[in-house]
Amino acid sequence: MRPRPTTPTVVAKVIAAADPKPESRYLAGATAGRFAVLRRIAPAGAFGNSLRPLNRMTGSPST
């Protein structure tokens, strides 16, 4: 089952509720936290390959 895409409204609420001290990156949406962890622990190729189906990309990445 594919996760539902995050709407701009959800992202705007996360940024609006943020600290007065701005961050360079905000995690918003149901899968953002999981992908942040996966990006830290998985090799770059494995991480990229896991995102390709979610972004409806076909084929293999160019080298």
C-alpha atoms as a PDB file:
ATOM      1  CA  MET A   1       0.000   0.000   0.000  1.00  0.00           C
ATOM      2  CA  ARG A   2       1.427   3.365  -1.033  1.00  0.00           C
ATOM      3  CA  PRO A   3       1.503   6.160   1.536  1.00  0.00           C
ATOM      4  CA  ARG A   4      -0.649   9.171   0.762  1.00  0.00           C
ATOM      5  CA  PRO A   5       1.339  12.182  -0.432  1.00  0.00           C
ATOM      6  CA  THR A   6       1.900  15.005   2.001  1.00  0.00           C
ATOM      7  CA  THR A   7      -0.185  18.059   1.184  1.00  0.00           C
ATOM      8  CA  PRO A   8       1.231  21.585   1.160  1.00  0.00           C
ATOM      9  CA  THR A   9      -1.106  22.415   4.050  1.00  0.00           C
ATOM     10  CA  VAL A  10       0.605  19.843   6.289  1.00  0.00           C
ATOM     11  CA  VAL A  11       4.035  21.206   5.411  1.00  0.00           C
ATOM     12  CA  ALA A  12       2.916  24.791   6.040  1.00  0.00           C
ATOM     13  CA  LYS A  13       1.553  23.861   9.478  1.00  0.00           C
ATOM     14  CA  VAL A  14       4.863  22.241  10.445  1.00  0.00           C
ATOM     15  CA  ILE A  15       6.854  25.283   9.370  1.00  0.00           C
ATOM     16  CA  ALA A  16       4.422  27.713  11.023  1.00  0.00           C
ATOM     17  CA  ALA A  17       4.615  25.787  14.312  1.00  0.00           C
ATOM     18  CA  ALA A  18       8.411  25.726  14.227  1.00  0.00           C
ATOM     19  CA  ASP A  19      10.673  27.497  16.669  1.00  0.00           C
ATOM     20  CA  PRO A  20      11.474  31.163  16.203  1.00  0.00           C
ATOM     21  CA  LYS A  21      14.979  29.959  15.396  1.00  0.00           C
ATOM     22  CA  PRO A  22      14.569  28.568  11.852  1.00  0.00           C
ATOM     23  CA  GLU A  23      15.930  25.157  10.893  1.00  0.00           C
ATOM     24  CA  SER A  24      17.420  24.255   7.533  1.00  0.00           C
ATOM     25  CA  ARG A  25      15.123  21.223   7.222  1.00  0.00           C
ATOM     26  CA  TYR A  26      11.702  20.312   8.578  1.00  0.00           C
ATOM     27  CA  LEU A  27      10.226  16.821   8.619  1.00  0.00           C
ATOM     28  CA  ALA A  28       6.570  16.863   7.602  1.00  0.00           C
ATOM     29  CA  GLY A  29       4.319  13.996   6.634  1.00  0.00           C
ATOM     30  CA  ALA A  30       3.813  10.406   7.607  1.00  0.00           C
ATOM     31  CA  THR A  31       6.951   8.956   6.031  1.00  0.00           C
ATOM     32  CA  ALA A  32       9.417  11.839   6.421  1.00  0.00           C
ATOM     33  CA  GLY A  33      10.871  10.585   9.712  1.00  0.00           C
ATOM     34  CA  ARG A  34      11.312   7.059   8.409  1.00  0.00           C
ATOM     35  CA  PHE A  35      13.104   8.278   5.293  1.00  0.00           C
ATOM     36  CA  ALA A  36      15.376  10.528   7.359  1.00  0.00           C
ATOM     37  CA  VAL A  37      16.494   7.509   9.415  1.00  0.00           C
ATOM     38  CA  LEU A  38      16.814   5.322   6.319  1.00  0.00           C
ATOM     39  CA  ARG A  39      18.977   7.954   4.641  1.00  0.00           C
ATOM     40  CA  ARG A  40      21.396   7.913   7.591  1.00  0.00           C
ATOM     41  CA  ILE A  41      21.764   4.130   7.858  1.00  0.00           C
ATOM     42  CA  ALA A  42      21.343   2.823   4.292  1.00  0.00           C
ATOM     43  CA  PRO A  43      23.962   3.030   1.545  1.00  0.00           C
ATOM     44  CA  ALA A  44      23.217   5.758  -1.025  1.00  0.00           C
ATOM     45  CA  GLY A  45      22.317   3.280  -3.765  1.00  0.00           C
ATOM     46  CA  ALA A  46      19.890   1.360  -1.571  1.00  0.00           C
ATOM     47  CA  PHE A  47      18.272   4.574  -0.376  1.00  0.00           C
ATOM     48  CA  GLY A  48      17.867   5.861  -3.929  1.00  0.00           C
ATOM     49  CA  ASN A  49      16.449   2.562  -5.131  1.00  0.00           C
ATOM     50  CA  SER A  50      13.879   2.592  -2.328  1.00  0.00           C
ATOM     51  CA  LEU A  51      12.650   6.046  -3.406  1.00  0.00           C
ATOM     52  CA  ARG A  52      12.378   5.306  -7.110  1.00  0.00           C
ATOM     53  CA  PRO A  53       9.072   3.374  -6.953  1.00  0.00           C
ATOM     54  CA  LEU A  54       7.523   5.955  -4.621  1.00  0.00           C
ATOM     55  CA  ASN A  55       8.350   8.720  -7.092  1.00  0.00           C
ATOM     56  CA  ARG A  56       7.072   6.561  -9.973  1.00  0.00           C
ATOM     57  CA  MET A  57      10.508   6.505 -11.614  1.00  0.00           C
ATOM     58  CA  THR A  58      11.335   3.591 -13.897  1.00  0.00           C
ATOM     59  CA  GLY A  59      14.631   2.073 -14.908  1.00  0.00           C
ATOM     60  CA  SER A  60      17.895   2.230 -13.057  1.00  0.00           C
ATOM     61  CA  PRO A  61      19.672   5.409 -11.995  1.00  0.00           C
ATOM     62  CA  SER A  62      22.353   6.722 -14.343  1.00  0.00           C
ATOM     63  CA  THR A  63      25.908   6.252 -13.176  1.00  0.00           C
END
